Amino acid sequence: DATSPTCAAVKVALQHVRHEGVTGYITIDASRNPSKKI
Protein backbone atom coordinates (compact mmCIF):
# COMPACT_ATOMS: atom_id res chain seq x y z
CA ASP A 1 0.00 0.00 0.00
CA ALA A 2 2.97 2.36 0.41
CA THR A 3 3.20 5.24 -2.03
CA SER A 4 6.89 4.51 -2.60
CA PRO A 5 9.40 1.79 -1.67
CA THR A 6 10.92 3.77 1.21
CA CYS A 7 11.01 3.24 4.95
CA ALA A 8 9.08 6.49 5.53
CA ALA A 9 6.30 5.52 3.12
CA VAL A 10 5.97 2.02 4.60
CA LYS A 11 5.82 3.52 8.10
CA VAL A 12 2.93 5.75 7.04
CA ALA A 13 1.16 2.81 5.40
CA LEU A 14 1.49 0.75 8.59
CA GLN A 15 -0.36 3.45 10.52
CA HIS A 16 -3.38 2.92 8.25
CA VAL A 17 -3.20 -0.83 7.81
CA ARG A 18 -6.41 -2.87 7.85
CA HIS A 19 -5.37 -6.49 7.97
CA GLU A 20 -7.36 -9.69 8.29
CA GLY A 21 -4.98 -11.80 10.32
CA VAL A 22 -5.32 -15.18 11.97
CA THR A 23 -5.38 -13.42 15.35
CA GLY A 24 -8.25 -11.18 14.20
CA TYR A 25 -9.06 -8.13 12.12
CA ILE A 26 -6.23 -5.75 12.97
CA THR A 27 -6.17 -1.97 12.83
CA ILE A 28 -3.71 0.49 14.33
CA ASP A 29 -5.10 2.96 16.86
CA ALA A 30 -4.07 6.56 17.51
CA SER A 31 -1.32 5.39 19.88
CA ARG A 32 0.05 3.09 17.14
CA ASN A 33 -1.06 -0.01 19.01
CA PRO A 34 -2.84 -2.87 17.22
CA SER A 35 -6.55 -3.02 17.96
CA LYS A 36 -8.25 -6.42 17.68
CA LYS A 37 -10.25 -8.99 19.60
CA ILE A 38 -9.00 -10.68 22.75
Full PDB file with SEQRES, HELIX, SHEET, SSBOND, CRYST1, ORIGX, SCALE, CONECT and MASTER records, all heavy atoms in Angstrom:
SEQRES   1 A   38  ASP ALA THR SER PRO THR CYS ALA ALA VAL LYS VAL ALA          
SEQRES   2 A   38  LEU GLN HIS VAL ARG HIS GLU GLY VAL THR GLY TYR ILE          
SEQRES   3 A   38  THR ILE ASP ALA SER ARG ASN PRO SER LYS LYS ILE              
HELIX    1 AA1 CYS A    7  GLN A   15  1                                   9    
SHEET    1 AA1 3 ARG A  18  GLY A  21  0                                        
SHEET    2 AA1 3 GLY A  24  ILE A  28 -1                                        
SHEET    3 AA1 3 PRO A  34  SER A  35 -1                                        
CRYST1    1.000    1.000    1.000  90.00  90.00  90.00 P 1           1          
ORIGX1      1.000000  0.000000  0.000000        0.00000                         
ORIGX2      0.000000  1.000000  0.000000        0.00000                         
ORIGX3      0.000000  0.000000  1.000000        0.00000                         
SCALE1      1.000000  0.000000  0.000000        0.00000                         
SCALE2      0.000000  1.000000  0.000000        0.00000                         
SCALE3      0.000000  0.000000  1.000000        0.00000                         
ATOM      1  N   ASP A   1       0.802  -1.223   0.000  1.00  0.00           N  
ATOM      2  CA  ASP A   1       0.000   0.000   0.000  1.00  0.00           C  
ATOM      3  C   ASP A   1       0.835   1.272   0.000  1.00  0.00           C  
ATOM      4  O   ASP A   1       0.300   2.370  -0.230  1.00  0.00           O  
ATOM      5  CB  ASP A   1      -0.915   0.023   1.229  1.00  0.00           C  
ATOM      6  CG  ASP A   1      -1.967  -1.087   1.184  1.00  0.00           C  
ATOM      7  OD1 ASP A   1      -2.218  -1.613   0.081  1.00  0.00           O  
ATOM      8  OD2 ASP A   1      -2.521  -1.421   2.248  1.00  0.00           O  
ATOM      9  N   ALA A   2       2.120   1.162   0.298  1.00  0.00           N  
ATOM     10  CA  ALA A   2       2.967   2.355   0.412  1.00  0.00           C  
ATOM     11  C   ALA A   2       3.045   3.105  -0.920  1.00  0.00           C  
ATOM     12  O   ALA A   2       3.031   2.502  -1.996  1.00  0.00           O  
ATOM     13  CB  ALA A   2       4.366   1.965   0.879  1.00  0.00           C  
ATOM     14  N   THR A   3       3.143   4.415  -0.817  1.00  0.00           N  
ATOM     15  CA  THR A   3       3.201   5.244  -2.028  1.00  0.00           C  
ATOM     16  C   THR A   3       4.547   5.158  -2.721  1.00  0.00           C  
ATOM     17  O   THR A   3       4.670   5.544  -3.887  1.00  0.00           O  
ATOM     18  CB  THR A   3       2.898   6.704  -1.670  1.00  0.00           C  
ATOM     19  OG1 THR A   3       3.823   7.140  -0.657  1.00  0.00           O  
ATOM     20  CG2 THR A   3       1.465   6.843  -1.145  1.00  0.00           C  
ATOM     21  N   SER A   4       5.570   4.696  -2.008  1.00  0.00           N  
ATOM     22  CA  SER A   4       6.894   4.513  -2.601  1.00  0.00           C  
ATOM     23  C   SER A   4       7.645   3.459  -1.798  1.00  0.00           C  
ATOM     24  O   SER A   4       7.304   3.204  -0.633  1.00  0.00           O  
ATOM     25  CB  SER A   4       7.682   5.832  -2.610  1.00  0.00           C  
ATOM     26  OG  SER A   4       7.972   6.245  -1.282  1.00  0.00           O  
ATOM     27  N   PRO A   5       8.666   2.850  -2.373  1.00  0.00           N  
ATOM     28  CA  PRO A   5       9.404   1.787  -1.672  1.00  0.00           C  
ATOM     29  C   PRO A   5      10.454   2.356  -0.725  1.00  0.00           C  
ATOM     30  O   PRO A   5      11.648   2.044  -0.830  1.00  0.00           O  
ATOM     31  CB  PRO A   5      10.031   0.997  -2.822  1.00  0.00           C  
ATOM     32  CG  PRO A   5      10.276   2.022  -3.870  1.00  0.00           C  
ATOM     33  CD  PRO A   5       9.124   2.982  -3.776  1.00  0.00           C  
ATOM     34  N   THR A   6      10.015   3.180   0.227  1.00  0.00           N  
ATOM     35  CA  THR A   6      10.920   3.774   1.209  1.00  0.00           C  
ATOM     36  C   THR A   6      10.449   3.448   2.611  1.00  0.00           C  
ATOM     37  O   THR A   6       9.258   3.164   2.831  1.00  0.00           O  
ATOM     38  CB  THR A   6      10.976   5.304   1.053  1.00  0.00           C  
ATOM     39  OG1 THR A   6       9.673   5.852   1.334  1.00  0.00           O  
ATOM     40  CG2 THR A   6      11.403   5.683  -0.370  1.00  0.00           C  
ATOM     41  N   CYS A   7      11.366   3.518   3.554  1.00  0.00           N  
ATOM     42  CA  CYS A   7      11.005   3.244   4.949  1.00  0.00           C  
ATOM     43  C   CYS A   7       9.922   4.201   5.433  1.00  0.00           C  
ATOM     44  O   CYS A   7       8.982   3.806   6.135  1.00  0.00           O  
ATOM     45  CB  CYS A   7      12.243   3.357   5.841  1.00  0.00           C  
ATOM     46  SG  CYS A   7      13.455   2.046   5.581  1.00  0.00           S  
ATOM     47  N   ALA A   8      10.043   5.481   5.079  1.00  0.00           N  
ATOM     48  CA  ALA A   8       9.079   6.486   5.526  1.00  0.00           C  
ATOM     49  C   ALA A   8       7.681   6.176   4.999  1.00  0.00           C  
ATOM     50  O   ALA A   8       6.679   6.280   5.723  1.00  0.00           O  
ATOM     51  CB  ALA A   8       9.527   7.873   5.076  1.00  0.00           C  
ATOM     52  N   ALA A   9       7.608   5.805   3.716  1.00  0.00           N  
ATOM     53  CA  ALA A   9       6.304   5.516   3.122  1.00  0.00           C  
ATOM     54  C   ALA A   9       5.676   4.262   3.728  1.00  0.00           C  
ATOM     55  O   ALA A   9       4.463   4.210   3.972  1.00  0.00           O  
ATOM     56  CB  ALA A   9       6.441   5.363   1.613  1.00  0.00           C  
ATOM     57  N   VAL A  10       6.488   3.247   3.984  1.00  0.00           N  
ATOM     58  CA  VAL A  10       5.973   2.019   4.603  1.00  0.00           C  
ATOM     59  C   VAL A  10       5.496   2.305   6.026  1.00  0.00           C  
ATOM     60  O   VAL A  10       4.460   1.786   6.469  1.00  0.00           O  
ATOM     61  CB  VAL A  10       7.047   0.912   4.589  1.00  0.00           C  
ATOM     62  CG1 VAL A  10       6.585  -0.301   5.400  1.00  0.00           C  
ATOM     63  CG2 VAL A  10       7.361   0.500   3.158  1.00  0.00           C  
ATOM     64  N   LYS A  11       6.212   3.145   6.741  1.00  0.00           N  
ATOM     65  CA  LYS A  11       5.816   3.516   8.103  1.00  0.00           C  
ATOM     66  C   LYS A  11       4.452   4.184   8.091  1.00  0.00           C  
ATOM     67  O   LYS A  11       3.588   3.885   8.931  1.00  0.00           O  
ATOM     68  CB  LYS A  11       6.865   4.441   8.710  1.00  0.00           C  
ATOM     69  CG  LYS A  11       6.557   4.859  10.137  1.00  0.00           C  
ATOM     70  CD  LYS A  11       7.672   5.729  10.681  1.00  0.00           C  
ATOM     71  CE  LYS A  11       7.363   6.184  12.110  1.00  0.00           C  
ATOM     72  NZ  LYS A  11       8.431   7.054  12.659  1.00  0.00           N  
ATOM     73  N   VAL A  12       4.237   5.088   7.157  1.00  0.00           N  
ATOM     74  CA  VAL A  12       2.934   5.747   7.041  1.00  0.00           C  
ATOM     75  C   VAL A  12       1.851   4.730   6.704  1.00  0.00           C  
ATOM     76  O   VAL A  12       0.752   4.742   7.273  1.00  0.00           O  
ATOM     77  CB  VAL A  12       2.980   6.863   5.975  1.00  0.00           C  
ATOM     78  CG1 VAL A  12       1.577   7.389   5.682  1.00  0.00           C  
ATOM     79  CG2 VAL A  12       3.884   8.000   6.432  1.00  0.00           C  
ATOM     80  N   ALA A  13       2.140   3.824   5.792  1.00  0.00           N  
ATOM     81  CA  ALA A  13       1.163   2.810   5.396  1.00  0.00           C  
ATOM     82  C   ALA A  13       0.796   1.898   6.563  1.00  0.00           C  
ATOM     83  O   ALA A  13      -0.365   1.501   6.718  1.00  0.00           O  
ATOM     84  CB  ALA A  13       1.707   1.987   4.227  1.00  0.00           C  
ATOM     85  N   LEU A  14       1.767   1.588   7.414  1.00  0.00           N  
ATOM     86  CA  LEU A  14       1.490   0.753   8.589  1.00  0.00           C  
ATOM     87  C   LEU A  14       0.496   1.409   9.534  1.00  0.00           C  
ATOM     88  O   LEU A  14      -0.308   0.734  10.177  1.00  0.00           O  
ATOM     89  CB  LEU A  14       2.789   0.447   9.340  1.00  0.00           C  
ATOM     90  CG  LEU A  14       3.593  -0.764   8.881  1.00  0.00           C  
ATOM     91  CD1 LEU A  14       4.949  -0.801   9.576  1.00  0.00           C  
ATOM     92  CD2 LEU A  14       2.825  -2.057   9.157  1.00  0.00           C  
ATOM     93  N   GLN A  15       0.545   2.733   9.616  1.00  0.00           N  
ATOM     94  CA  GLN A  15      -0.359   3.447  10.517  1.00  0.00           C  
ATOM     95  C   GLN A  15      -1.812   3.339  10.065  1.00  0.00           C  
ATOM     96  O   GLN A  15      -2.733   3.548  10.863  1.00  0.00           O  
ATOM     97  CB  GLN A  15       0.050   4.911  10.605  1.00  0.00           C  
ATOM     98  CG  GLN A  15       1.412   5.131  11.246  1.00  0.00           C  
ATOM     99  CD  GLN A  15       1.861   6.586  11.180  1.00  0.00           C  
ATOM    100  OE1 GLN A  15       1.094   7.468  10.810  1.00  0.00           O  
ATOM    101  NE2 GLN A  15       3.107   6.825  11.529  1.00  0.00           N  
ATOM    102  N   HIS A  16      -2.017   2.991   8.799  1.00  0.00           N  
ATOM    103  CA  HIS A  16      -3.376   2.919   8.254  1.00  0.00           C  
ATOM    104  C   HIS A  16      -3.744   1.506   7.809  1.00  0.00           C  
ATOM    105  O   HIS A  16      -4.723   1.326   7.096  1.00  0.00           O  
ATOM    106  CB  HIS A  16      -3.501   3.885   7.070  1.00  0.00           C  
ATOM    107  CG  HIS A  16      -3.190   5.313   7.422  1.00  0.00           C  
ATOM    108  ND1 HIS A  16      -4.066   6.109   8.136  1.00  0.00           N  
ATOM    109  CD2 HIS A  16      -2.088   6.074   7.189  1.00  0.00           C  
ATOM    110  CE1 HIS A  16      -3.528   7.307   8.307  1.00  0.00           C  
ATOM    111  NE2 HIS A  16      -2.327   7.308   7.754  1.00  0.00           N  
ATOM    112  N   VAL A  17      -2.984   0.534   8.261  1.00  0.00           N  
ATOM    113  CA  VAL A  17      -3.200  -0.833   7.811  1.00  0.00           C  
ATOM    114  C   VAL A  17      -4.536  -1.364   8.322  1.00  0.00           C  
ATOM    115  O   VAL A  17      -4.975  -1.049   9.429  1.00  0.00           O  
ATOM    116  CB  VAL A  17      -2.033  -1.748   8.264  1.00  0.00           C  
ATOM    117  CG1 VAL A  17      -2.070  -1.986   9.781  1.00  0.00           C  
ATOM    118  CG2 VAL A  17      -2.051  -3.071   7.520  1.00  0.00           C  
ATOM    119  N   ARG A  18      -5.198  -2.121   7.483  1.00  0.00           N  
ATOM    120  CA  ARG A  18      -6.406  -2.867   7.849  1.00  0.00           C  
ATOM    121  C   ARG A  18      -6.165  -4.289   7.394  1.00  0.00           C  
ATOM    122  O   ARG A  18      -6.251  -4.596   6.206  1.00  0.00           O  
ATOM    123  CB  ARG A  18      -7.642  -2.285   7.167  1.00  0.00           C  
ATOM    124  CG  ARG A  18      -7.939  -0.827   7.485  1.00  0.00           C  
ATOM    125  CD  ARG A  18      -8.431  -0.664   8.921  1.00  0.00           C  
ATOM    126  NE  ARG A  18      -8.843   0.708   9.204  1.00  0.00           N  
ATOM    127  CZ  ARG A  18      -8.025   1.667   9.623  1.00  0.00           C  
ATOM    128  NH1 ARG A  18      -6.726   1.399   9.780  1.00  0.00           N  
ATOM    129  NH2 ARG A  18      -8.463   2.880   9.871  1.00  0.00           N  
ATOM    130  N   HIS A  19      -5.857  -5.161   8.344  1.00  0.00           N  
ATOM    131  CA  HIS A  19      -5.366  -6.489   7.968  1.00  0.00           C  
ATOM    132  C   HIS A  19      -6.220  -7.582   8.589  1.00  0.00           C  
ATOM    133  O   HIS A  19      -6.457  -7.587   9.806  1.00  0.00           O  
ATOM    134  CB  HIS A  19      -3.922  -6.652   8.441  1.00  0.00           C  
ATOM    135  CG  HIS A  19      -3.325  -7.981   8.111  1.00  0.00           C  
ATOM    136  ND1 HIS A  19      -3.074  -8.403   6.821  1.00  0.00           N  
ATOM    137  CD2 HIS A  19      -2.930  -9.008   8.928  1.00  0.00           C  
ATOM    138  CE1 HIS A  19      -2.544  -9.611   6.850  1.00  0.00           C  
ATOM    139  NE2 HIS A  19      -2.455 -10.003   8.110  1.00  0.00           N  
ATOM    140  N   GLU A  20      -6.690  -8.505   7.753  1.00  0.00           N  
ATOM    141  CA  GLU A  20      -7.357  -9.692   8.288  1.00  0.00           C  
ATOM    142  C   GLU A  20      -6.289 -10.723   8.616  1.00  0.00           C  
ATOM    143  O   GLU A  20      -5.749 -11.393   7.737  1.00  0.00           O  
ATOM    144  CB  GLU A  20      -8.348 -10.298   7.302  1.00  0.00           C  
ATOM    145  CG  GLU A  20      -9.057 -11.505   7.924  1.00  0.00           C  
ATOM    146  CD  GLU A  20      -9.857 -12.344   6.940  1.00  0.00           C  
ATOM    147  OE1 GLU A  20      -9.985 -11.926   5.775  1.00  0.00           O  
ATOM    148  OE2 GLU A  20     -10.333 -13.424   7.349  1.00  0.00           O  
ATOM    149  N   GLY A  21      -5.981 -10.840   9.889  1.00  0.00           N  
ATOM    150  CA  GLY A  21      -4.981 -11.796  10.320  1.00  0.00           C  
ATOM    151  C   GLY A  21      -5.617 -13.017  10.934  1.00  0.00           C  
ATOM    152  O   GLY A  21      -6.836 -13.106  11.096  1.00  0.00           O  
ATOM    153  N   VAL A  22      -4.797 -13.987  11.293  1.00  0.00           N  
ATOM    154  CA  VAL A  22      -5.322 -15.177  11.967  1.00  0.00           C  
ATOM    155  C   VAL A  22      -5.619 -14.902  13.432  1.00  0.00           C  
ATOM    156  O   VAL A  22      -6.356 -15.643  14.073  1.00  0.00           O  
ATOM    157  CB  VAL A  22      -4.363 -16.369  11.809  1.00  0.00           C  
ATOM    158  CG1 VAL A  22      -4.253 -16.777  10.353  1.00  0.00           C  
ATOM    159  CG2 VAL A  22      -2.988 -16.078  12.394  1.00  0.00           C  
ATOM    160  N   THR A  23      -5.047 -13.817  13.973  1.00  0.00           N  
ATOM    161  CA  THR A  23      -5.378 -13.425  15.346  1.00  0.00           C  
ATOM    162  C   THR A  23      -6.561 -12.467  15.391  1.00  0.00           C  
ATOM    163  O   THR A  23      -6.982 -12.072  16.480  1.00  0.00           O  
ATOM    164  CB  THR A  23      -4.174 -12.771  16.046  1.00  0.00           C  
ATOM    165  OG1 THR A  23      -3.819 -11.565  15.356  1.00  0.00           O  
ATOM    166  CG2 THR A  23      -2.991 -13.704  16.096  1.00  0.00           C  
ATOM    167  N   GLY A  24      -7.090 -12.070  14.237  1.00  0.00           N  
ATOM    168  CA  GLY A  24      -8.250 -11.180  14.197  1.00  0.00           C  
ATOM    169  C   GLY A  24      -8.111 -10.137  13.110  1.00  0.00           C  
ATOM    170  O   GLY A  24      -7.139 -10.118  12.351  1.00  0.00           O  
ATOM    171  N   TYR A  25      -9.087  -9.251  13.049  1.00  0.00           N  
ATOM    172  CA  TYR A  25      -9.059  -8.129  12.121  1.00  0.00           C  
ATOM    173  C   TYR A  25      -8.308  -6.996  12.807  1.00  0.00           C  
ATOM    174  O   TYR A  25      -8.780  -6.448  13.811  1.00  0.00           O  
ATOM    175  CB  TYR A  25     -10.468  -7.724  11.740  1.00  0.00           C  
ATOM    176  CG  TYR A  25     -11.167  -8.763  10.900  1.00  0.00           C  
ATOM    177  CD1 TYR A  25     -11.878  -9.804  11.503  1.00  0.00           C  
ATOM    178  CD2 TYR A  25     -11.092  -8.746   9.505  1.00  0.00           C  
ATOM    179  CE1 TYR A  25     -12.516 -10.780  10.743  1.00  0.00           C  
ATOM    180  CE2 TYR A  25     -11.724  -9.719   8.738  1.00  0.00           C  
ATOM    181  CZ  TYR A  25     -12.432 -10.721   9.366  1.00  0.00           C  
ATOM    182  OH  TYR A  25     -13.049 -11.691   8.611  1.00  0.00           O  
ATOM    183  N   ILE A  26      -7.161  -6.633  12.271  1.00  0.00           N  
ATOM    184  CA  ILE A  26      -6.226  -5.753  12.968  1.00  0.00           C  
ATOM    185  C   ILE A  26      -6.236  -4.360  12.348  1.00  0.00           C  
ATOM    186  O   ILE A  26      -6.116  -4.205  11.130  1.00  0.00           O  
ATOM    187  CB  ILE A  26      -4.795  -6.327  12.908  1.00  0.00           C  
ATOM    188  CG1 ILE A  26      -4.777  -7.760  13.454  1.00  0.00           C  
ATOM    189  CG2 ILE A  26      -3.827  -5.444  13.692  1.00  0.00           C  
ATOM    190  CD1 ILE A  26      -3.484  -8.501  13.161  1.00  0.00           C  
ATOM    191  N   THR A  27      -6.379  -3.359  13.211  1.00  0.00           N  
ATOM    192  CA  THR A  27      -6.175  -1.970  12.829  1.00  0.00           C  
ATOM    193  C   THR A  27      -5.170  -1.370  13.802  1.00  0.00           C  
ATOM    194  O   THR A  27      -4.868  -1.955  14.845  1.00  0.00           O  
ATOM    195  CB  THR A  27      -7.478  -1.163  12.871  1.00  0.00           C  
ATOM    196  OG1 THR A  27      -8.018  -1.202  14.207  1.00  0.00           O  
ATOM    197  CG2 THR A  27      -8.516  -1.742  11.912  1.00  0.00           C  
ATOM    198  N   ILE A  28      -4.664  -0.195  13.462  1.00  0.00           N  
ATOM    199  CA  ILE A  28      -3.708   0.494  14.327  1.00  0.00           C  
ATOM    200  C   ILE A  28      -4.407   1.722  14.909  1.00  0.00           C  
ATOM    201  O   ILE A  28      -4.960   2.542  14.159  1.00  0.00           O  
ATOM    202  CB  ILE A  28      -2.452   0.920  13.548  1.00  0.00           C  
ATOM    203  CG1 ILE A  28      -1.799  -0.310  12.901  1.00  0.00           C  
ATOM    204  CG2 ILE A  28      -1.464   1.636  14.461  1.00  0.00           C  
ATOM    205  CD1 ILE A  28      -1.321  -1.351  13.872  1.00  0.00           C  
ATOM    206  N   ASP A  29      -4.398   1.840  16.237  1.00  0.00           N  
ATOM    207  CA  ASP A  29      -5.103   2.961  16.861  1.00  0.00           C  
ATOM    208  C   ASP A  29      -4.234   4.212  16.886  1.00  0.00           C  
ATOM    209  O   ASP A  29      -3.102   4.223  16.377  1.00  0.00           O  
ATOM    210  CB  ASP A  29      -5.595   2.592  18.265  1.00  0.00           C  
ATOM    211  CG  ASP A  29      -4.466   2.304  19.259  1.00  0.00           C  
ATOM    212  OD1 ASP A  29      -3.323   2.771  19.025  1.00  0.00           O  
ATOM    213  OD2 ASP A  29      -4.732   1.647  20.278  1.00  0.00           O  
ATOM    214  N   ALA A  30      -4.758   5.274  17.502  1.00  0.00           N  
ATOM    215  CA  ALA A  30      -4.069   6.558  17.505  1.00  0.00           C  
ATOM    216  C   ALA A  30      -2.733   6.512  18.236  1.00  0.00           C  
ATOM    217  O   ALA A  30      -1.857   7.351  18.003  1.00  0.00           O  
ATOM    218  CB  ALA A  30      -4.969   7.630  18.131  1.00  0.00           C  
ATOM    219  N   SER A  31      -2.583   5.538  19.138  1.00  0.00           N  
ATOM    220  CA  SER A  31      -1.321   5.387  19.880  1.00  0.00           C  
ATOM    221  C   SER A  31      -0.371   4.419  19.188  1.00  0.00           C  
ATOM    222  O   SER A  31       0.633   4.022  19.765  1.00  0.00           O  
ATOM    223  CB  SER A  31      -1.606   4.910  21.308  1.00  0.00           C  
ATOM    224  OG  SER A  31      -2.426   5.830  21.990  1.00  0.00           O  
ATOM    225  N   ARG A  32      -0.735   4.023  17.964  1.00  0.00           N  
ATOM    226  CA  ARG A  32       0.051   3.093  17.145  1.00  0.00           C  
ATOM    227  C   ARG A  32       0.110   1.696  17.742  1.00  0.00           C  
ATOM    228  O   ARG A  32       1.063   0.951  17.541  1.00  0.00           O  
ATOM    229  CB  ARG A  32       1.455   3.651  16.883  1.00  0.00           C  
ATOM    230  CG  ARG A  32       1.446   4.925  16.058  1.00  0.00           C  
ATOM    231  CD  ARG A  32       2.831   5.373  15.685  1.00  0.00           C  
ATOM    232  NE  ARG A  32       3.585   5.797  16.860  1.00  0.00           N  
ATOM    233  CZ  ARG A  32       4.847   6.239  16.811  1.00  0.00           C  
ATOM    234  NH1 ARG A  32       5.484   6.296  15.665  1.00  0.00           N  
ATOM    235  NH2 ARG A  32       5.470   6.610  17.912  1.00  0.00           N  
ATOM    236  N   ASN A  33      -0.922   1.337  18.486  1.00  0.00           N  
ATOM    237  CA  ASN A  33      -1.057  -0.011  19.010  1.00  0.00           C  
ATOM    238  C   ASN A  33      -2.066  -0.784  18.163  1.00  0.00           C  
ATOM    239  O   ASN A  33      -3.048  -0.200  17.678  1.00  0.00           O  
ATOM    240  CB  ASN A  33      -1.539   0.013  20.462  1.00  0.00           C  
ATOM    241  CG  ASN A  33      -0.510   0.602  21.396  1.00  0.00           C  
ATOM    242  OD1 ASN A  33       0.666   0.268  21.307  1.00  0.00           O  
ATOM    243  ND2 ASN A  33      -0.928   1.477  22.287  1.00  0.00           N  
ATOM    244  N   PRO A  34      -1.860  -2.082  17.970  1.00  0.00           N  
ATOM    245  CA  PRO A  34      -2.841  -2.867  17.219  1.00  0.00           C  
ATOM    246  C   PRO A  34      -4.129  -3.029  18.014  1.00  0.00           C  
ATOM    247  O   PRO A  34      -4.103  -3.269  19.228  1.00  0.00           O  
ATOM    248  CB  PRO A  34      -2.136  -4.215  17.018  1.00  0.00           C  
ATOM    249  CG  PRO A  34      -1.136  -4.292  18.120  1.00  0.00           C  
ATOM    250  CD  PRO A  34      -0.705  -2.887  18.397  1.00  0.00           C  
ATOM    251  N   SER A  35      -5.242  -2.874  17.332  1.00  0.00           N  
ATOM    252  CA  SER A  35      -6.548  -3.021  17.962  1.00  0.00           C  
ATOM    253  C   SER A  35      -7.241  -4.231  17.345  1.00  0.00           C  
ATOM    254  O   SER A  35      -7.456  -4.284  16.130  1.00  0.00           O  
ATOM    255  CB  SER A  35      -7.384  -1.757  17.741  1.00  0.00           C  
ATOM    256  OG  SER A  35      -8.673  -1.903  18.306  1.00  0.00           O  
ATOM    257  N   LYS A  36      -7.583  -5.216  18.171  1.00  0.00           N  
ATOM    258  CA  LYS A  36      -8.252  -6.424  17.676  1.00  0.00           C  
ATOM    259  C   LYS A  36      -8.890  -7.150  18.857  1.00  0.00           C  
ATOM    260  O   LYS A  36      -8.761  -6.725  20.010  1.00  0.00           O  
ATOM    261  CB  LYS A  36      -7.265  -7.351  16.967  1.00  0.00           C  
ATOM    262  CG  LYS A  36      -6.089  -7.815  17.801  1.00  0.00           C  
ATOM    263  CD  LYS A  36      -5.120  -8.623  16.948  1.00  0.00           C  
ATOM    264  CE  LYS A  36      -3.877  -9.022  17.735  1.00  0.00           C  
ATOM    265  NZ  LYS A  36      -4.178  -9.908  18.862  1.00  0.00           N  
ATOM    266  N   LYS A  37      -9.565  -8.237  18.559  1.00  0.00           N  
ATOM    267  CA  LYS A  37     -10.252  -8.992  19.599  1.00  0.00           C  
ATOM    268  C   LYS A  37      -9.265  -9.681  20.540  1.00  0.00           C  
ATOM    269  O   LYS A  37      -8.152 -10.018  20.159  1.00  0.00           O  
ATOM    270  CB  LYS A  37     -11.166 -10.041  18.962  1.00  0.00           C  
ATOM    271  CG  LYS A  37     -12.379  -9.465  18.259  1.00  0.00           C  
ATOM    272  CD  LYS A  37     -13.248 -10.568  17.689  1.00  0.00           C  
ATOM    273  CE  LYS A  37     -14.482  -9.994  17.028  1.00  0.00           C  
ATOM    274  NZ  LYS A  37     -15.347 -11.060  16.454  1.00  0.00           N  
ATOM    275  N   ILE A  38      -9.731  -9.894  21.760  1.00  0.00           N  
ATOM    276  CA  ILE A  38      -8.999 -10.677  22.752  1.00  0.00           C  
ATOM    277  C   ILE A  38      -9.676 -12.042  22.846  1.00  0.00           C  
ATOM    278  O   ILE A  38     -10.906 -12.129  22.881  1.00  0.00           O  
ATOM    279  CB  ILE A  38      -9.022  -9.967  24.118  1.00  0.00           C  
ATOM    280  CG1 ILE A  38      -8.276  -8.638  24.034  1.00  0.00           C  
ATOM    281  CG2 ILE A  38      -8.428 -10.853  25.207  1.00  0.00           C  
ATOM    282  CD1 ILE A  38      -8.612  -7.694  25.160  1.00  0.00           C  
TER     283      ILE A  38                                                      
MASTER        0    0    0    1    3    0    0    6  282    1    0    3          
END                                                                             
